Amino acid sequence: MDEILAEAGIQTVVTGIRMPRMNAIMEWWVRSCRRELLDRCLLWNERHLRHALREYEQFSNRHRAHQALAQAAPLRPVPDPNTDPERITSLTIRRRDRLGGILHEYSHAA
């Protein structure tokens, strides 16, 4: 199998022996990527696929909330809670579309 992958230009990465959750984490990532991205868009070529995967990776690591991290993203801390009633009533939300509207980022307008 390693030879077939090497002929296709794919480098094999050996994982740690005592990392039982790695397979589960990667299965979650692949399943999420397929459901949220690949099942919703038409990819034209390898360059377009790589661009879409790069955008999804950035979205997942910098913006998308993760339940295991208390609704924070891996590369972003949890924001401070908004408890001021005046700020809540005048709250303005901005939406940024990524990948032509497949992914959405929401943020508070300053």
PDB file of N, CA and C in Angstrom:
ATOM      1  N   MET A   1       0.816  -1.183   0.000  1.00  0.00           N
ATOM      2  CA  MET A   1       0.000   0.000   0.000  1.00  0.00           C
ATOM      3  C   MET A   1       0.869   1.259   0.000  1.00  0.00           C
ATOM      4  N   ASP A   2       1.958   1.234   0.777  1.00  0.00           N
ATOM      5  CA  ASP A   2       2.852   2.388   0.824  1.00  0.00           C
ATOM      6  C   ASP A   2       3.440   2.703  -0.548  1.00  0.00           C
ATOM      7  N   GLU A   3       3.743   1.688  -1.329  1.00  0.00           N
ATOM      8  CA  GLU A   3       4.294   1.898  -2.667  1.00  0.00           C
ATOM      9  C   GLU A   3       3.267   2.563  -3.590  1.00  0.00           C
ATOM     10  N   ILE A   4       2.030   2.127  -3.499  1.00  0.00           N
ATOM     11  CA  ILE A   4       0.973   2.703  -4.333  1.00  0.00           C
ATOM     12  C   ILE A   4       0.781   4.175  -3.986  1.00  0.00           C
ATOM     13  N   LEU A   5       0.758   4.482  -2.695  1.00  0.00           N
ATOM     14  CA  LEU A   5       0.609   5.871  -2.263  1.00  0.00           C
ATOM     15  C   LEU A   5       1.801   6.715  -2.684  1.00  0.00           C
ATOM     16  N   ALA A   6       3.008   6.151  -2.576  1.00  0.00           N
ATOM     17  CA  ALA A   6       4.213   6.882  -2.961  1.00  0.00           C
ATOM     18  C   ALA A   6       4.211   7.185  -4.464  1.00  0.00           C
ATOM     19  N   GLU A   7       3.727   6.255  -5.280  1.00  0.00           N
ATOM     20  CA  GLU A   7       3.647   6.488  -6.721  1.00  0.00           C
ATOM     21  C   GLU A   7       2.669   7.617  -7.054  1.00  0.00           C
ATOM     22  N   ALA A   8       1.635   7.780  -6.206  1.00  0.00           N
ATOM     23  CA  ALA A   8       0.651   8.842  -6.418  1.00  0.00           C
ATOM     24  C   ALA A   8       1.119  10.166  -5.825  1.00  0.00           C
ATOM     25  N   GLY A   9       2.302  10.166  -5.204  1.00  0.00           N
ATOM     26  CA  GLY A   9       2.832  11.393  -4.616  1.00  0.00           C
ATOM     27  C   GLY A   9       2.323  11.666  -3.219  1.00  0.00           C
ATOM     28  N   ILE A  10       1.793  10.646  -2.549  1.00  0.00           N
ATOM     29  CA  ILE A  10       1.263  10.797  -1.199  1.00  0.00           C
ATOM     30  C   ILE A  10       2.278  10.255  -0.205  1.00  0.00           C
ATOM     31  N   GLN A  11       2.626  11.069   0.763  1.00  0.00           N
ATOM     32  CA  GLN A  11       3.601  10.663   1.771  1.00  0.00           C
ATOM     33  C   GLN A  11       2.882   9.993   2.938  1.00  0.00           C
ATOM     34  N   THR A  12       3.357   8.833   3.346  1.00  0.00           N
ATOM     35  CA  THR A  12       2.782   8.112   4.469  1.00  0.00           C
ATOM     36  C   THR A  12       3.303   8.699   5.770  1.00  0.00           C
ATOM     37  N   VAL A  13       2.393   8.962   6.699  1.00  0.00           N
ATOM     38  CA  VAL A  13       2.773   9.499   8.004  1.00  0.00           C
ATOM     39  C   VAL A  13       2.505   8.423   9.042  1.00  0.00           C
ATOM     40  N   VAL A  14       3.525   8.055   9.784  1.00  0.00           N
ATOM     41  CA  VAL A  14       3.403   7.037  10.811  1.00  0.00           C
ATOM     42  C   VAL A  14       2.905   7.707  12.092  1.00  0.00           C
ATOM     43  N   THR A  15       1.872   7.143  12.692  1.00  0.00           N
ATOM     44  CA  THR A  15       1.319   7.714  13.913  1.00  0.00           C
ATOM     45  C   THR A  15       1.935   7.053  15.136  1.00  0.00           C
ATOM     46  N   GLY A  16       1.714   7.665  16.272  1.00  0.00           N
ATOM     47  CA  GLY A  16       2.242   7.132  17.517  1.00  0.00           C
ATOM     48  C   GLY A  16       1.557   5.830  17.917  1.00  0.00           C
ATOM     49  N   ILE A  17       2.278   5.004  18.635  1.00  0.00           N
ATOM     50  CA  ILE A  17       1.752   3.705  19.043  1.00  0.00           C
ATOM     51  C   ILE A  17       0.665   3.862  20.093  1.00  0.00           C
ATOM     52  N   ARG A  18       0.871   4.723  21.037  1.00  0.00           N
ATOM     53  CA  ARG A  18      -0.071   4.871  22.150  1.00  0.00           C
ATOM     54  C   ARG A  18      -0.987   6.092  21.965  1.00  0.00           C
ATOM     55  N   MET A  19      -1.621   6.173  20.822  1.00  0.00           N
ATOM     56  CA  MET A  19      -2.532   7.282  20.533  1.00  0.00           C
ATOM     57  C   MET A  19      -3.876   6.705  20.070  1.00  0.00           C
ATOM     58  N   PRO A  20      -4.625   6.092  20.984  1.00  0.00           N
ATOM     59  CA  PRO A  20      -5.856   5.414  20.572  1.00  0.00           C
ATOM     60  C   PRO A  20      -6.941   6.340  20.046  1.00  0.00           C
ATOM     61  N   ARG A  21      -6.940   7.603  20.440  1.00  0.00           N
ATOM     62  CA  ARG A  21      -7.994   8.514  20.000  1.00  0.00           C
ATOM     63  C   ARG A  21      -7.705   9.151  18.640  1.00  0.00           C
ATOM     64  N   MET A  22      -6.493   8.988  18.122  1.00  0.00           N
ATOM     65  CA  MET A  22      -6.146   9.645  16.866  1.00  0.00           C
ATOM     66  C   MET A  22      -7.063   9.204  15.730  1.00  0.00           C
ATOM     67  N   ASN A  23      -7.345   7.916  15.644  1.00  0.00           N
ATOM     68  CA  ASN A  23      -8.200   7.422  14.583  1.00  0.00           C
ATOM     69  C   ASN A  23      -9.604   8.026  14.701  1.00  0.00           C
ATOM     70  N   ALA A  24     -10.130   8.093  15.901  1.00  0.00           N
ATOM     71  CA  ALA A  24     -11.464   8.659  16.109  1.00  0.00           C
ATOM     72  C   ALA A  24     -11.497  10.141  15.738  1.00  0.00           C
ATOM     73  N   ILE A  25     -10.461  10.872  16.085  1.00  0.00           N
ATOM     74  CA  ILE A  25     -10.404  12.301  15.765  1.00  0.00           C
ATOM     75  C   ILE A  25     -10.346  12.511  14.257  1.00  0.00           C
ATOM     76  N   MET A  26      -9.537  11.735  13.569  1.00  0.00           N
ATOM     77  CA  MET A  26      -9.428  11.878  12.118  1.00  0.00           C
ATOM     78  C   MET A  26     -10.717  11.443  11.419  1.00  0.00           C
ATOM     79  N   GLU A  27     -11.372  10.404  11.929  1.00  0.00           N
ATOM     80  CA  GLU A  27     -12.651   9.999  11.356  1.00  0.00           C
ATOM     81  C   GLU A  27     -13.678  11.109  11.526  1.00  0.00           C
ATOM     82  N   TRP A  28     -13.689  11.778  12.685  1.00  0.00           N
ATOM     83  CA  TRP A  28     -14.600  12.903  12.907  1.00  0.00           C
ATOM     84  C   TRP A  28     -14.309  14.019  11.915  1.00  0.00           C
ATOM     85  N   TRP A  29     -13.019  14.338  11.712  1.00  0.00           N
ATOM     86  CA  TRP A  29     -12.662  15.445  10.824  1.00  0.00           C
ATOM     87  C   TRP A  29     -13.076  15.134   9.382  1.00  0.00           C
ATOM     88  N   VAL A  30     -12.805  13.924   8.930  1.00  0.00           N
ATOM     89  CA  VAL A  30     -13.158  13.545   7.560  1.00  0.00           C
ATOM     90  C   VAL A  30     -14.675  13.552   7.390  1.00  0.00           C
ATOM     91  N   ARG A  31     -15.408  13.018   8.371  1.00  0.00           N
ATOM     92  CA  ARG A  31     -16.865  12.996   8.294  1.00  0.00           C
ATOM     93  C   ARG A  31     -17.432  14.420   8.274  1.00  0.00           C
ATOM     94  N   SER A  32     -16.909  15.305   9.116  1.00  0.00           N
ATOM     95  CA  SER A  32     -17.359  16.701   9.146  1.00  0.00           C
ATOM     96  C   SER A  32     -17.034  17.405   7.836  1.00  0.00           C
ATOM     97  N   CYS A  33     -15.840  17.201   7.327  1.00  0.00           N
ATOM     98  CA  CYS A  33     -15.427  17.823   6.071  1.00  0.00           C
ATOM     99  C   CYS A  33     -16.326  17.374   4.926  1.00  0.00           C
ATOM    100  N   ARG A  34     -16.636  16.096   4.867  1.00  0.00           N
ATOM    101  CA  ARG A  34     -17.517  15.599   3.802  1.00  0.00           C
ATOM    102  C   ARG A  34     -18.910  16.182   3.930  1.00  0.00           C
ATOM    103  N   ARG A  35     -19.473  16.148   5.164  1.00  0.00           N
ATOM    104  CA  ARG A  35     -20.851  16.588   5.371  1.00  0.00           C
ATOM    105  C   ARG A  35     -21.005  18.098   5.163  1.00  0.00           C
ATOM    106  N   GLU A  36     -20.076  18.888   5.698  1.00  0.00           N
ATOM    107  CA  GLU A  36     -20.221  20.335   5.680  1.00  0.00           C
ATOM    108  C   GLU A  36     -19.648  20.995   4.432  1.00  0.00           C
ATOM    109  N   LEU A  37     -18.759  20.321   3.730  1.00  0.00           N
ATOM    110  CA  LEU A  37     -18.098  20.959   2.588  1.00  0.00           C
ATOM    111  C   LEU A  37     -18.256  20.169   1.294  1.00  0.00           C
ATOM    112  N   LEU A  38     -17.712  18.979   1.261  1.00  0.00           N
ATOM    113  CA  LEU A  38     -17.601  18.250  -0.004  1.00  0.00           C
ATOM    114  C   LEU A  38     -18.943  17.799  -0.565  1.00  0.00           C
ATOM    115  N   ASP A  39     -19.925  17.516   0.299  1.00  0.00           N
ATOM    116  CA  ASP A  39     -21.251  17.128  -0.187  1.00  0.00           C
ATOM    117  C   ASP A  39     -22.045  18.321  -0.710  1.00  0.00           C
ATOM    118  N   ARG A  40     -21.547  19.548  -0.490  1.00  0.00           N
ATOM    119  CA  ARG A  40     -22.306  20.741  -0.848  1.00  0.00           C
ATOM    120  C   ARG A  40     -21.698  21.548  -1.994  1.00  0.00           C
ATOM    121  N   CYS A  41     -20.587  21.101  -2.538  1.00  0.00           N
ATOM    122  CA  CYS A  41     -19.984  21.908  -3.600  1.00  0.00           C
ATOM    123  C   CYS A  41     -19.489  21.017  -4.739  1.00  0.00           C
ATOM    124  N   LEU A  42     -19.380  21.629  -5.890  1.00  0.00           N
ATOM    125  CA  LEU A  42     -18.864  20.956  -7.078  1.00  0.00           C
ATOM    126  C   LEU A  42     -17.428  21.419  -7.276  1.00  0.00           C
ATOM    127  N   LEU A  43     -16.504  20.497  -7.226  1.00  0.00           N
ATOM    128  CA  LEU A  43     -15.085  20.818  -7.357  1.00  0.00           C
ATOM    129  C   LEU A  43     -14.645  20.562  -8.783  1.00  0.00           C
ATOM    130  N   TRP A  44     -13.919  21.519  -9.337  1.00  0.00           N
ATOM    131  CA  TRP A  44     -13.533  21.445 -10.743  1.00  0.00           C
ATOM    132  C   TRP A  44     -12.244  20.682 -10.977  1.00  0.00           C
ATOM    133  N   ASN A  45     -11.266  20.841 -10.089  1.00  0.00           N
ATOM    134  CA  ASN A  45      -9.976  20.176 -10.290  1.00  0.00           C
ATOM    135  C   ASN A  45      -9.252  20.080  -8.951  1.00  0.00           C
ATOM    136  N   GLU A  46      -8.046  19.548  -8.971  1.00  0.00           N
ATOM    137  CA  GLU A  46      -7.293  19.359  -7.735  1.00  0.00           C
ATOM    138  C   GLU A  46      -6.965  20.697  -7.073  1.00  0.00           C
ATOM    139  N   ARG A  47      -6.660  21.705  -7.871  1.00  0.00           N
ATOM    140  CA  ARG A  47      -6.352  23.033  -7.315  1.00  0.00           C
ATOM    141  C   ARG A  47      -7.555  23.600  -6.558  1.00  0.00           C
ATOM    142  N   HIS A  48      -8.738  23.445  -7.119  1.00  0.00           N
ATOM    143  CA  HIS A  48      -9.957  23.911  -6.464  1.00  0.00           C
ATOM    144  C   HIS A  48     -10.221  23.107  -5.191  1.00  0.00           C
ATOM    145  N   LEU A  49      -9.990  21.797  -5.229  1.00  0.00           N
ATOM    146  CA  LEU A  49     -10.148  20.947  -4.041  1.00  0.00           C
ATOM    147  C   LEU A  49      -9.212  21.388  -2.933  1.00  0.00           C
ATOM    148  N   ARG A  50      -7.944  21.624  -3.267  1.00  0.00           N
ATOM    149  CA  ARG A  50      -6.980  22.059  -2.250  1.00  0.00           C
ATOM    150  C   ARG A  50      -7.364  23.410  -1.656  1.00  0.00           C
ATOM    151  N   HIS A  51      -7.852  24.328  -2.478  1.00  0.00           N
ATOM    152  CA  HIS A  51      -8.305  25.629  -1.980  1.00  0.00           C
ATOM    153  C   HIS A  51      -9.480  25.460  -1.017  1.00  0.00           C
ATOM    154  N   ALA A  52     -10.456  24.631  -1.394  1.00  0.00           N
ATOM    155  CA  ALA A  52     -11.627  24.411  -0.547  1.00  0.00           C
ATOM    156  C   ALA A  52     -11.234  23.753   0.769  1.00  0.00           C
ATOM    157  N   LEU A  53     -10.342  22.777   0.733  1.00  0.00           N
ATOM    158  CA  LEU A  53      -9.894  22.113   1.961  1.00  0.00           C
ATOM    159  C   LEU A  53      -9.115  23.070   2.856  1.00  0.00           C
ATOM    160  N   ARG A  54      -8.300  23.946   2.257  1.00  0.00           N
ATOM    161  CA  ARG A  54      -7.553  24.941   3.041  1.00  0.00           C
ATOM    162  C   ARG A  54      -8.516  25.910   3.734  1.00  0.00           C
ATOM    163  N   GLU A  55      -9.534  26.367   3.019  1.00  0.00           N
ATOM    164  CA  GLU A  55     -10.535  27.262   3.604  1.00  0.00           C
ATOM    165  C   GLU A  55     -11.296  26.568   4.733  1.00  0.00           C
ATOM    166  N   TYR A  56     -11.675  25.297   4.515  1.00  0.00           N
ATOM    167  CA  TYR A  56     -12.406  24.561   5.552  1.00  0.00           C
ATOM    168  C   TYR A  56     -11.528  24.352   6.782  1.00  0.00           C
ATOM    169  N   GLU A  57     -10.258  24.060   6.565  1.00  0.00           N
ATOM    170  CA  GLU A  57      -9.340  23.877   7.693  1.00  0.00           C
ATOM    171  C   GLU A  57      -9.220  25.163   8.505  1.00  0.00           C
ATOM    172  N   GLN A  58      -9.058  26.299   7.842  1.00  0.00           N
ATOM    173  CA  GLN A  58      -8.975  27.580   8.547  1.00  0.00           C
ATOM    174  C   GLN A  58     -10.276  27.878   9.275  1.00  0.00           C
ATOM    175  N   PHE A  59     -11.401  27.615   8.631  1.00  0.00           N
ATOM    176  CA  PHE A  59     -12.701  27.833   9.260  1.00  0.00           C
ATOM    177  C   PHE A  59     -12.852  26.957  10.497  1.00  0.00           C
ATOM    178  N   SER A  60     -12.466  25.701  10.382  1.00  0.00           N
ATOM    179  CA  SER A  60     -12.610  24.761  11.495  1.00  0.00           C
ATOM    180  C   SER A  60     -11.697  25.110  12.663  1.00  0.00           C
ATOM    181  N   ASN A  61     -10.484  25.556  12.381  1.00  0.00           N
ATOM    182  CA  ASN A  61      -9.523  25.834  13.448  1.00  0.00           C
ATOM    183  C   ASN A  61      -9.627  27.231  14.031  1.00  0.00           C
ATOM    184  N   ARG A  62     -10.135  28.191  13.274  1.00  0.00           N
ATOM    185  CA  ARG A  62     -10.142  29.572  13.760  1.00  0.00           C
ATOM    186  C   ARG A  62     -11.513  30.104  14.123  1.00  0.00           C
ATOM    187  N   HIS A  63     -12.574  29.507  13.582  1.00  0.00           N
ATOM    188  CA  HIS A  63     -13.885  30.090  13.838  1.00  0.00           C
ATOM    189  C   HIS A  63     -14.910  29.100  14.383  1.00  0.00           C
ATOM    190  N   ARG A  64     -15.001  27.928  13.815  1.00  0.00           N
ATOM    191  CA  ARG A  64     -16.052  26.972  14.164  1.00  0.00           C
ATOM    192  C   ARG A  64     -15.953  26.572  15.629  1.00  0.00           C
ATOM    193  N   ALA A  65     -17.074  26.671  16.335  1.00  0.00           N
ATOM    194  CA  ALA A  65     -17.104  26.304  17.750  1.00  0.00           C
ATOM    195  C   ALA A  65     -17.031  24.787  17.902  1.00  0.00           C
ATOM    196  N   HIS A  66     -16.256  24.334  18.874  1.00  0.00           N
ATOM    197  CA  HIS A  66     -16.097  22.907  19.148  1.00  0.00           C
ATOM    198  C   HIS A  66     -16.647  22.618  20.548  1.00  0.00           C
ATOM    199  N   GLN A  67     -17.537  21.650  20.642  1.00  0.00           N
ATOM    200  CA  GLN A  67     -18.142  21.326  21.930  1.00  0.00           C
ATOM    201  C   GLN A  67     -17.109  20.860  22.943  1.00  0.00           C
ATOM    202  N   ALA A  68     -16.106  20.112  22.510  1.00  0.00           N
ATOM    203  CA  ALA A  68     -15.094  19.596  23.429  1.00  0.00           C
ATOM    204  C   ALA A  68     -14.226  20.706  24.014  1.00  0.00           C
ATOM    205  N   LEU A  69     -14.226  21.881  23.391  1.00  0.00           N
ATOM    206  CA  LEU A  69     -13.419  23.006  23.865  1.00  0.00           C
ATOM    207  C   LEU A  69     -14.295  24.097  24.471  1.00  0.00           C
ATOM    208  N   ALA A  70     -15.453  23.740  24.990  1.00  0.00           N
ATOM    209  CA  ALA A  70     -16.379  24.685  25.618  1.00  0.00           C
ATOM    210  C   ALA A  70     -16.786  25.784  24.644  1.00  0.00           C
ATOM    211  N   GLN A  71     -17.085  25.396  23.426  1.00  0.00           N
ATOM    212  CA  GLN A  71     -17.538  26.278  22.352  1.00  0.00           C
ATOM    213  C   GLN A  71     -16.458  27.228  21.840  1.00  0.00           C
ATOM    214  N   ALA A  72     -15.206  26.951  22.102  1.00  0.00           N
ATOM    215  CA  ALA A  72     -14.099  27.727  21.530  1.00  0.00           C
ATOM    216  C   ALA A  72     -13.608  27.002  20.284  1.00  0.00           C
ATOM    217  N   ALA A  73     -12.856  27.697  19.480  1.00  0.00           N
ATOM    218  CA  ALA A  73     -12.188  27.068  18.343  1.00  0.00           C
ATOM    219  C   ALA A  73     -10.774  26.710  18.791  1.00  0.00           C
ATOM    220  N   PRO A  74     -10.134  25.735  18.153  1.00  0.00           N
ATOM    221  CA  PRO A  74      -8.793  25.344  18.585  1.00  0.00           C
ATOM    222  C   PRO A  74      -7.785  26.494  18.605  1.00  0.00           C
ATOM    223  N   LEU A  75      -7.871  27.429  17.697  1.00  0.00           N
ATOM    224  CA  LEU A  75      -6.912  28.530  17.643  1.00  0.00           C
ATOM    225  C   LEU A  75      -7.510  29.857  18.113  1.00  0.00           C
ATOM    226  N   ARG A  76      -8.645  29.796  18.849  1.00  0.00           N
ATOM    227  CA  ARG A  76      -9.293  31.011  19.338  1.00  0.00           C
ATOM    228  C   ARG A  76      -9.864  30.730  20.727  1.00  0.00           C
ATOM    229  N   PRO A  77      -9.592  31.590  21.705  1.00  0.00           N
ATOM    230  CA  PRO A  77     -10.147  31.360  23.042  1.00  0.00           C
ATOM    231  C   PRO A  77     -11.643  31.654  23.075  1.00  0.00           C
ATOM    232  N   VAL A  78     -12.275  31.193  24.128  1.00  0.00           N
ATOM    233  CA  VAL A  78     -13.699  31.458  24.311  1.00  0.00           C
ATOM    234  C   VAL A  78     -13.890  32.949  24.565  1.00  0.00           C
ATOM    235  N   PRO A  79     -14.809  33.607  23.860  1.00  0.00           N
ATOM    236  CA  PRO A  79     -15.025  35.034  24.117  1.00  0.00           C
ATOM    237  C   PRO A  79     -15.678  35.254  25.476  1.00  0.00           C
ATOM    238  N   ASP A  80     -15.472  36.437  26.024  1.00  0.00           N
ATOM    239  CA  ASP A  80     -16.099  36.783  27.297  1.00  0.00           C
ATOM    240  C   ASP A  80     -17.605  36.842  27.108  1.00  0.00           C
ATOM    241  N   PRO A  81     -18.365  36.377  28.106  1.00  0.00           N
ATOM    242  CA  PRO A  81     -19.824  36.422  27.960  1.00  0.00           C
ATOM    243  C   PRO A  81     -20.343  37.856  27.948  1.00  0.00           C
ATOM    244  N   ASN A  82     -21.381  38.075  27.180  1.00  0.00           N
ATOM    245  CA  ASN A  82     -22.000  39.390  27.066  1.00  0.00           C
ATOM    246  C   ASN A  82     -23.195  39.421  28.010  1.00  0.00           C
ATOM    247  N   THR A  83     -23.063  40.065  29.179  1.00  0.00           N
ATOM    248  CA  THR A  83     -24.129  40.081  30.171  1.00  0.00           C
ATOM    249  C   THR A  83     -24.767  41.451  30.339  1.00  0.00           C
ATOM    250  N   ASP A  84     -24.264  42.453  29.671  1.00  0.00           N
ATOM    251  CA  ASP A  84     -24.810  43.802  29.775  1.00  0.00           C
ATOM    252  C   ASP A  84     -26.114  43.871  28.969  1.00  0.00           C
ATOM    253  N   PRO A  85     -27.265  44.149  29.631  1.00  0.00           N
ATOM    254  CA  PRO A  85     -28.549  44.165  28.910  1.00  0.00           C
ATOM    255  C   PRO A  85     -28.600  45.180  27.767  1.00  0.00           C
ATOM    256  N   GLU A  86     -27.947  46.321  27.920  1.00  0.00           N
ATOM    257  CA  GLU A  86     -27.957  47.330  26.853  1.00  0.00           C
ATOM    258  C   GLU A  86     -27.207  46.841  25.616  1.00  0.00           C
ATOM    259  N   ARG A  87     -26.090  46.172  25.841  1.00  0.00           N
ATOM    260  CA  ARG A  87     -25.333  45.636  24.705  1.00  0.00           C
ATOM    261  C   ARG A  87     -26.082  44.498  24.019  1.00  0.00           C
ATOM    262  N   ILE A  88     -26.830  43.733  24.799  1.00  0.00           N
ATOM    263  CA  ILE A  88     -27.575  42.610  24.217  1.00  0.00           C
ATOM    264  C   ILE A  88     -28.705  43.116  23.334  1.00  0.00           C
ATOM    265  N   THR A  89     -29.430  44.160  23.768  1.00  0.00           N
ATOM    266  CA  THR A  89     -30.549  44.664  22.971  1.00  0.00           C
ATOM    267  C   THR A  89     -30.086  45.357  21.697  1.00  0.00           C
ATOM    268  N   SER A  90     -28.890  45.940  21.729  1.00  0.00           N
ATOM    269  CA  SER A  90     -28.387  46.623  20.528  1.00  0.00           C
ATOM    270  C   SER A  90     -27.309  45.807  19.817  1.00  0.00           C
ATOM    271  N   LEU A  91     -27.383  44.515  19.964  1.00  0.00           N
ATOM    272  CA  LEU A  91     -26.370  43.629  19.392  1.00  0.00           C
ATOM    273  C   LEU A  91     -26.529  43.542  17.872  1.00  0.00           C
ATOM    274  N   THR A  92     -25.451  43.767  17.165  1.00  0.00           N
ATOM    275  CA  THR A  92     -25.440  43.664  15.717  1.00  0.00           C
ATOM    276  C   THR A  92     -24.518  42.514  15.325  1.00  0.00           C
ATOM    277  N   ILE A  93     -25.071  41.590  14.580  1.00  0.00           N
ATOM    278  CA  ILE A  93     -24.316  40.408  14.158  1.00  0.00           C
ATOM    279  C   ILE A  93     -23.945  40.568  12.690  1.00  0.00           C
ATOM    280  N   ARG A  94     -22.708  40.275  12.371  1.00  0.00           N
ATOM    281  CA  ARG A  94     -22.247  40.287  10.974  1.00  0.00           C
ATOM    282  C   ARG A  94     -21.971  38.864  10.536  1.00  0.00           C
ATOM    283  N   ARG A  95     -22.343  38.577   9.301  1.00  0.00           N
ATOM    284  CA  ARG A  95     -22.095  37.258   8.732  1.00  0.00           C
ATOM    285  C   ARG A  95     -21.132  37.395   7.570  1.00  0.00           C
ATOM    286  N   ARG A  96     -20.107  36.566   7.579  1.00  0.00           N
ATOM    287  CA  ARG A  96     -19.127  36.520   6.493  1.00  0.00           C
ATOM    288  C   ARG A  96     -19.239  35.155   5.829  1.00  0.00           C
ATOM    289  N   ASP A  97     -19.536  35.160   4.540  1.00  0.00           N
ATOM    290  CA  ASP A  97     -19.631  33.907   3.795  1.00  0.00           C
ATOM    291  C   ASP A  97     -18.262  33.496   3.299  1.00  0.00           C
ATOM    292  N   ARG A  98     -17.981  32.216   3.396  1.00  0.00           N
ATOM    293  CA  ARG A  98     -16.741  31.659   2.877  1.00  0.00           C
ATOM    294  C   ARG A  98     -17.090  30.577   1.867  1.00  0.00           C
ATOM    295  N   LEU A  99     -16.244  30.408   0.894  1.00  0.00           N
ATOM    296  CA  LEU A  99     -16.426  29.420  -0.173  1.00  0.00           C
ATOM    297  C   LEU A  99     -17.774  29.596  -0.864  1.00  0.00           C
ATOM    298  N   GLY A 100     -18.091  30.825  -1.217  1.00  0.00           N
ATOM    299  CA  GLY A 100     -19.302  31.096  -1.962  1.00  0.00           C
ATOM    300  C   GLY A 100     -20.582  30.889  -1.176  1.00  0.00           C
ATOM    301  N   GLY A 101     -20.518  30.958   0.138  1.00  0.00           N
ATOM    302  CA  GLY A 101     -21.712  30.832   0.970  1.00  0.00           C
ATOM    303  C   GLY A 101     -21.919  29.458   1.568  1.00  0.00           C
ATOM    304  N   ILE A 102     -21.003  28.532   1.360  1.00  0.00           N
ATOM    305  CA  ILE A 102     -21.130  27.199   1.948  1.00  0.00           C
ATOM    306  C   ILE A 102     -20.859  27.257   3.441  1.00  0.00           C
ATOM    307  N   LEU A 103     -19.850  28.031   3.841  1.00  0.00           N
ATOM    308  CA  LEU A 103     -19.499  28.211   5.255  1.00  0.00           C
ATOM    309  C   LEU A 103     -19.834  29.633   5.664  1.00  0.00           C
ATOM    310  N   HIS A 104     -20.312  29.800   6.878  1.00  0.00           N
ATOM    311  CA  HIS A 104     -20.673  31.131   7.382  1.00  0.00           C
ATOM    312  C   HIS A 104     -19.943  31.387   8.689  1.00  0.00           C
ATOM    313  N   GLU A 105     -19.380  32.583   8.802  1.00  0.00           N
ATOM    314  CA  GLU A 105     -18.757  33.031  10.049  1.00  0.00           C
ATOM    315  C   GLU A 105     -19.600  34.161  10.601  1.00  0.00           C
ATOM    316  N   TYR A 106     -19.928  34.089  11.873  1.00  0.00           N
ATOM    317  CA  TYR A 106     -20.709  35.132  12.524  1.00  0.00           C
ATOM    318  C   TYR A 106     -19.843  35.822  13.564  1.00  0.00           C
ATOM    319  N   SER A 107     -19.983  37.150  13.654  1.00  0.00           N
ATOM    320  CA  SER A 107     -19.223  37.906  14.649  1.00  0.00           C
ATOM    321  C   SER A 107     -20.039  39.113  15.081  1.00  0.00           C
ATOM    322  N   HIS A 108     -19.669  39.665  16.239  1.00  0.00           N
ATOM    323  CA  HIS A 108     -20.314  40.875  16.750  1.00  0.00           C
ATOM    324  C   HIS A 108     -19.718  42.081  16.036  1.00  0.00           C
ATOM    325  N   ALA A 109     -20.557  42.965  15.595  1.00  0.00           N
ATOM    326  CA  ALA A 109     -20.078  44.208  14.986  1.00  0.00           C
ATOM    327  C   ALA A 109     -19.641  45.152  16.095  1.00  0.00           C
ATOM    328  N   ALA A 110     -18.509  45.793  15.912  1.00  0.00           N
ATOM    329  CA  ALA A 110     -17.997  46.689  16.951  1.00  0.00           C
ATOM    330  C   ALA A 110     -18.668  48.028  16.940  1.00  0.00           C
TER     331      ALA A 110
END
